[in-house]
Amino acid sequence: MHTFTEKALTVIREIPPGKIMTYGQVAAMAGSPRAARQVTRILHSMSSKYNLPWHRIVNIHGQIAVMDEESRFSQRKLLLDEGVEVDQNDRIDLTRFRYDPKEEEKNKID
């Protein structure tokens, strides 16, 4: 059995360019819906080591939640470079850009 961290790393790696997921969504997909803060810790401590697309993770409101100004700017730029629209309040339309692996799989079958 994989640990939560291993599962979360897999979920994060599978987010395609131009799509985003929320911290809670990653936690739920990794098997622990209440572990959104753990996803934050994983991103903070492992993004560089595992070359994770950390910039594709936002809060439940679709907003960039990074407090550090430089990292916030970097996340915004990386998302814009992938075609994700970010408004002046650092919000992203979840209905347009949220990645849902289950929905993607269903669309492949249809």
N, C-alpha and C. Protein backbone atom coordinates (compact mmCIF):
# COMPACT_ATOMS: atom_id res chain seq x y z
N MET A 1 0.85 -1.19 0.00
CA MET A 1 0.00 0.00 0.00
C MET A 1 0.89 1.25 0.00
N HIS A 2 0.51 2.21 -0.81
CA HIS A 2 1.27 3.46 -0.88
C HIS A 2 0.88 4.38 0.26
N THR A 3 1.82 5.17 0.70
CA THR A 3 1.52 6.15 1.73
C THR A 3 0.79 7.33 1.11
N PHE A 4 0.19 8.15 1.95
CA PHE A 4 -0.50 9.34 1.48
C PHE A 4 0.45 10.22 0.66
N THR A 5 1.65 10.39 1.15
CA THR A 5 2.61 11.24 0.46
C THR A 5 2.90 10.72 -0.94
N GLU A 6 3.13 9.43 -1.07
CA GLU A 6 3.40 8.85 -2.39
C GLU A 6 2.21 9.04 -3.32
N LYS A 7 1.01 8.83 -2.80
CA LYS A 7 -0.18 9.01 -3.62
C LYS A 7 -0.34 10.47 -4.04
N ALA A 8 -0.11 11.39 -3.10
CA ALA A 8 -0.23 12.82 -3.41
C ALA A 8 0.79 13.22 -4.48
N LEU A 9 2.01 12.72 -4.37
CA LEU A 9 3.03 13.02 -5.38
C LEU A 9 2.57 12.55 -6.77
N THR A 10 1.97 11.38 -6.83
CA THR A 10 1.47 10.85 -8.10
C THR A 10 0.37 11.74 -8.66
N VAL A 11 -0.58 12.11 -7.81
CA VAL A 11 -1.69 12.97 -8.25
C VAL A 11 -1.14 14.30 -8.79
N ILE A 12 -0.24 14.92 -8.06
CA ILE A 12 0.32 16.21 -8.47
C ILE A 12 1.06 16.09 -9.80
N ARG A 13 1.85 15.04 -9.95
CA ARG A 13 2.61 14.84 -11.20
C ARG A 13 1.70 14.68 -12.41
N GLU A 14 0.50 14.17 -12.20
CA GLU A 14 -0.40 13.87 -13.31
C GLU A 14 -1.27 15.04 -13.75
N ILE A 15 -1.17 16.17 -13.06
CA ILE A 15 -1.95 17.34 -13.47
C ILE A 15 -1.34 17.86 -14.78
N PRO A 16 -2.14 17.89 -15.85
CA PRO A 16 -1.58 18.32 -17.13
C PRO A 16 -1.37 19.84 -17.20
N PRO A 17 -0.46 20.27 -18.06
CA PRO A 17 -0.28 21.71 -18.27
C PRO A 17 -1.61 22.35 -18.67
N GLY A 18 -1.85 23.55 -18.16
CA GLY A 18 -3.08 24.26 -18.49
C GLY A 18 -4.25 23.90 -17.60
N LYS A 19 -4.01 23.06 -16.60
CA LYS A 19 -5.05 22.65 -15.66
C LYS A 19 -4.57 22.89 -14.23
N ILE A 20 -5.51 22.96 -13.31
CA ILE A 20 -5.18 23.15 -11.90
C ILE A 20 -6.00 22.19 -11.05
N MET A 21 -5.55 22.00 -9.83
CA MET A 21 -6.32 21.27 -8.82
C MET A 21 -6.21 22.06 -7.53
N THR A 22 -7.15 21.82 -6.62
CA THR A 22 -7.08 22.46 -5.31
C THR A 22 -6.32 21.55 -4.35
N TYR A 23 -5.83 22.15 -3.25
CA TYR A 23 -5.13 21.36 -2.23
C TYR A 23 -6.03 20.23 -1.73
N GLY A 24 -7.30 20.56 -1.46
CA GLY A 24 -8.24 19.56 -0.97
C GLY A 24 -8.54 18.47 -1.99
N GLN A 25 -8.60 18.86 -3.24
CA GLN A 25 -8.84 17.89 -4.30
C GLN A 25 -7.69 16.89 -4.38
N VAL A 26 -6.46 17.39 -4.30
CA VAL A 26 -5.29 16.50 -4.31
C VAL A 26 -5.36 15.56 -3.11
N ALA A 27 -5.67 16.12 -1.94
CA ALA A 27 -5.76 15.30 -0.72
C ALA A 27 -6.80 14.19 -0.89
N ALA A 28 -7.97 14.55 -1.41
CA ALA A 28 -9.03 13.56 -1.59
C ALA A 28 -8.61 12.48 -2.58
N MET A 29 -8.01 12.87 -3.68
CA MET A 29 -7.56 11.90 -4.68
C MET A 29 -6.47 10.98 -4.12
N ALA A 30 -5.72 11.49 -3.14
CA ALA A 30 -4.66 10.69 -2.52
C ALA A 30 -5.19 9.85 -1.37
N GLY A 31 -6.50 9.94 -1.10
CA GLY A 31 -7.12 9.08 -0.12
C GLY A 31 -7.38 9.67 1.25
N SER A 32 -7.14 10.97 1.41
CA SER A 32 -7.38 11.60 2.71
C SER A 32 -7.97 12.99 2.51
N PRO A 33 -9.29 13.08 2.32
CA PRO A 33 -9.94 14.34 1.97
C PRO A 33 -9.71 15.50 2.94
N ARG A 34 -9.34 15.21 4.16
CA ARG A 34 -9.14 16.27 5.15
C ARG A 34 -7.67 16.68 5.29
N ALA A 35 -6.84 16.27 4.36
CA ALA A 35 -5.39 16.49 4.48
C ALA A 35 -4.86 17.58 3.55
N ALA A 36 -5.66 18.61 3.29
CA ALA A 36 -5.20 19.68 2.40
C ALA A 36 -3.93 20.35 2.91
N ARG A 37 -3.82 20.53 4.22
CA ARG A 37 -2.61 21.16 4.77
C ARG A 37 -1.38 20.27 4.58
N GLN A 38 -1.59 18.97 4.60
CA GLN A 38 -0.48 18.06 4.35
C GLN A 38 0.01 18.22 2.90
N VAL A 39 -0.91 18.44 1.97
CA VAL A 39 -0.53 18.68 0.58
C VAL A 39 0.35 19.93 0.51
N THR A 40 0.00 20.95 1.27
CA THR A 40 0.82 22.17 1.32
C THR A 40 2.23 21.84 1.78
N ARG A 41 2.34 21.03 2.82
CA ARG A 41 3.66 20.66 3.33
C ARG A 41 4.46 19.86 2.30
N ILE A 42 3.78 18.96 1.62
CA ILE A 42 4.44 18.15 0.59
C ILE A 42 4.98 19.07 -0.51
N LEU A 43 4.15 19.99 -0.96
CA LEU A 43 4.60 20.91 -2.01
C LEU A 43 5.77 21.75 -1.54
N HIS A 44 5.70 22.24 -0.32
CA HIS A 44 6.76 23.09 0.21
C HIS A 44 8.08 22.33 0.35
N SER A 45 8.02 21.11 0.80
CA SER A 45 9.25 20.39 1.09
C SER A 45 9.76 19.50 -0.04
N MET A 46 8.91 19.17 -1.02
CA MET A 46 9.32 18.19 -2.02
C MET A 46 9.24 18.67 -3.47
N SER A 47 8.75 19.86 -3.72
CA SER A 47 8.58 20.32 -5.11
C SER A 47 9.88 20.31 -5.89
N SER A 48 10.92 20.84 -5.30
CA SER A 48 12.21 20.89 -6.00
C SER A 48 12.79 19.49 -6.19
N LYS A 49 12.79 18.71 -5.13
CA LYS A 49 13.38 17.37 -5.17
C LYS A 49 12.72 16.49 -6.23
N TYR A 50 11.39 16.58 -6.36
CA TYR A 50 10.65 15.72 -7.28
C TYR A 50 10.18 16.45 -8.54
N ASN A 51 10.64 17.67 -8.71
CA ASN A 51 10.27 18.47 -9.89
C ASN A 51 8.75 18.50 -10.10
N LEU A 52 8.04 18.83 -9.04
CA LEU A 52 6.58 18.83 -9.07
C LEU A 52 6.04 20.10 -9.72
N PRO A 53 4.92 20.00 -10.42
CA PRO A 53 4.28 21.20 -10.97
C PRO A 53 3.47 21.90 -9.88
N TRP A 54 4.16 22.40 -8.88
CA TRP A 54 3.56 23.01 -7.70
C TRP A 54 2.63 24.16 -8.05
N HIS A 55 2.92 24.82 -9.15
CA HIS A 55 2.16 26.00 -9.54
C HIS A 55 0.72 25.66 -9.97
N ARG A 56 0.43 24.40 -10.19
CA ARG A 56 -0.90 23.97 -10.63
C ARG A 56 -1.85 23.69 -9.47
N ILE A 57 -1.43 24.01 -8.25
CA ILE A 57 -2.25 23.78 -7.07
C ILE A 57 -2.68 25.14 -6.50
N VAL A 58 -3.99 25.29 -6.29
CA VAL A 58 -4.56 26.53 -5.75
C VAL A 58 -5.51 26.21 -4.61
N ASN A 59 -6.03 27.24 -3.96
CA ASN A 59 -6.94 26.98 -2.85
C ASN A 59 -8.35 26.66 -3.33
N ILE A 60 -9.22 26.39 -2.42
CA ILE A 60 -10.58 25.94 -2.72
C ILE A 60 -11.38 26.96 -3.55
N HIS A 61 -10.97 28.22 -3.48
CA HIS A 61 -11.65 29.28 -4.22
C HIS A 61 -11.04 29.51 -5.60
N GLY A 62 -10.04 28.71 -5.94
CA GLY A 62 -9.36 28.89 -7.22
C GLY A 62 -8.37 30.03 -7.19
N GLN A 63 -7.89 30.34 -6.02
CA GLN A 63 -6.99 31.49 -5.87
C GLN A 63 -5.58 31.03 -5.51
N ILE A 64 -4.62 31.73 -6.06
CA ILE A 64 -3.24 31.49 -5.68
C ILE A 64 -3.12 31.81 -4.20
N ALA A 65 -2.63 30.86 -3.43
CA ALA A 65 -2.60 31.02 -1.97
C ALA A 65 -1.20 31.23 -1.41
N VAL A 66 -0.20 31.28 -2.26
CA VAL A 66 1.17 31.47 -1.81
C VAL A 66 1.31 32.89 -1.28
N MET A 67 1.84 33.04 -0.09
CA MET A 67 1.96 34.36 0.53
C MET A 67 3.21 35.12 0.09
N ASP A 68 4.28 34.40 -0.15
CA ASP A 68 5.54 35.03 -0.56
C ASP A 68 5.35 35.70 -1.92
N GLU A 69 5.63 36.99 -1.99
CA GLU A 69 5.39 37.79 -3.20
C GLU A 69 6.10 37.22 -4.43
N GLU A 70 7.36 36.84 -4.27
CA GLU A 70 8.13 36.31 -5.40
C GLU A 70 7.54 34.98 -5.90
N SER A 71 7.18 34.10 -4.98
CA SER A 71 6.59 32.81 -5.35
C SER A 71 5.21 33.00 -5.97
N ARG A 72 4.45 33.95 -5.46
CA ARG A 72 3.12 34.24 -6.00
C ARG A 72 3.26 34.71 -7.46
N PHE A 73 4.20 35.61 -7.70
CA PHE A 73 4.43 36.11 -9.05
C PHE A 73 4.87 34.97 -9.97
N SER A 74 5.75 34.12 -9.46
CA SER A 74 6.23 32.97 -10.24
C SER A 74 5.09 32.02 -10.58
N GLN A 75 4.23 31.73 -9.60
CA GLN A 75 3.10 30.83 -9.84
C GLN A 75 2.17 31.43 -10.89
N ARG A 76 1.88 32.69 -10.74
CA ARG A 76 1.01 33.39 -11.70
C ARG A 76 1.58 33.30 -13.11
N LYS A 77 2.87 33.58 -13.25
CA LYS A 77 3.52 33.56 -14.56
C LYS A 77 3.52 32.15 -15.16
N LEU A 78 3.84 31.15 -14.37
CA LEU A 78 3.85 29.77 -14.86
C LEU A 78 2.46 29.35 -15.34
N LEU A 79 1.43 29.73 -14.60
CA LEU A 79 0.07 29.40 -15.01
C LEU A 79 -0.32 30.12 -16.29
N LEU A 80 -0.02 31.41 -16.35
CA LEU A 80 -0.32 32.17 -17.57
C LEU A 80 0.41 31.59 -18.77
N ASP A 81 1.65 31.18 -18.59
CA ASP A 81 2.43 30.58 -19.68
C ASP A 81 1.80 29.30 -20.20
N GLU A 82 1.03 28.61 -19.34
CA GLU A 82 0.35 27.37 -19.74
C GLU A 82 -1.06 27.63 -20.27
N GLY A 83 -1.45 28.90 -20.33
CA GLY A 83 -2.77 29.23 -20.85
C GLY A 83 -3.87 29.33 -19.83
N VAL A 84 -3.52 29.25 -18.55
CA VAL A 84 -4.51 29.39 -17.48
C VAL A 84 -4.74 30.88 -17.25
N GLU A 85 -5.99 31.29 -17.32
CA GLU A 85 -6.32 32.70 -17.10
C GLU A 85 -6.39 32.98 -15.61
N VAL A 86 -5.65 33.99 -15.17
CA VAL A 86 -5.60 34.39 -13.77
C VAL A 86 -6.05 35.85 -13.71
N ASP A 87 -7.07 36.14 -12.91
CA ASP A 87 -7.57 37.52 -12.87
C ASP A 87 -6.70 38.40 -11.97
N GLN A 88 -7.07 39.67 -11.84
CA GLN A 88 -6.28 40.63 -11.09
C GLN A 88 -6.22 40.32 -9.60
N ASN A 89 -7.11 39.46 -9.11
CA ASN A 89 -7.10 39.03 -7.71
C ASN A 89 -6.46 37.66 -7.53
N ASP A 90 -5.73 37.22 -8.55
CA ASP A 90 -5.05 35.92 -8.54
C ASP A 90 -6.01 34.75 -8.46
N ARG A 91 -7.20 34.92 -9.03
CA ARG A 91 -8.20 33.85 -9.06
C ARG A 91 -8.28 33.21 -10.45
N ILE A 92 -8.63 31.93 -10.42
CA ILE A 92 -8.76 31.14 -11.64
C ILE A 92 -10.17 30.54 -11.66
N ASP A 93 -10.79 30.53 -12.81
CA ASP A 93 -12.13 29.96 -12.97
C ASP A 93 -12.02 28.43 -12.87
N LEU A 94 -12.48 27.89 -11.75
CA LEU A 94 -12.38 26.45 -11.52
C LEU A 94 -13.21 25.65 -12.51
N THR A 95 -14.32 26.21 -12.98
CA THR A 95 -15.15 25.47 -13.93
C THR A 95 -14.43 25.27 -15.26
N ARG A 96 -13.53 26.16 -15.60
CA ARG A 96 -12.80 26.06 -16.87
C ARG A 96 -11.48 25.33 -16.74
N PHE A 97 -10.77 25.53 -15.64
CA PHE A 97 -9.40 25.05 -15.57
C PHE A 97 -9.13 23.93 -14.57
N ARG A 98 -10.13 23.56 -13.77
CA ARG A 98 -9.91 22.50 -12.79
C ARG A 98 -9.74 21.15 -13.50
N TYR A 99 -8.75 20.41 -13.09
CA TYR A 99 -8.51 19.07 -13.61
C TYR A 99 -9.21 18.07 -12.72
N ASP A 100 -10.02 17.23 -13.35
CA ASP A 100 -10.72 16.17 -12.63
C ASP A 100 -10.39 14.85 -13.33
N PRO A 101 -9.44 14.10 -12.78
CA PRO A 101 -9.03 12.84 -13.42
C PRO A 101 -10.19 11.89 -13.70
N LYS A 102 -11.15 11.84 -12.80
CA LYS A 102 -12.30 10.95 -13.01
C LYS A 102 -13.13 11.40 -14.21
N GLU A 103 -13.31 12.69 -14.36
CA GLU A 103 -14.06 13.24 -15.49
C GLU A 103 -13.29 13.00 -16.79
N GLU A 104 -11.99 13.16 -16.75
CA GLU A 104 -11.16 12.91 -17.94
C GLU A 104 -11.27 11.46 -18.38
N GLU A 105 -11.25 10.56 -17.42
CA GLU A 105 -11.36 9.13 -17.72
C GLU A 105 -12.73 8.82 -18.32
N LYS A 106 -13.77 9.41 -17.74
CA LYS A 106 -15.13 9.21 -18.25
C LYS A 106 -15.24 9.72 -19.70
N ASN A 107 -14.63 10.86 -19.99
CA ASN A 107 -14.68 11.43 -21.34
C ASN A 107 -13.95 10.54 -22.34
N LYS A 108 -12.92 9.83 -21.91
CA LYS A 108 -12.20 8.92 -22.79
C LYS A 108 -13.08 7.73 -23.18
N ILE A 109 -13.91 7.30 -22.23
CA ILE A 109 -14.79 6.15 -22.47
C ILE A 109 -15.94 6.54 -23.40
N ASP A 110 -16.48 7.74 -23.23
CA ASP A 110 -17.63 8.19 -24.04
C ASP A 110 -17.28 8.36 -25.45
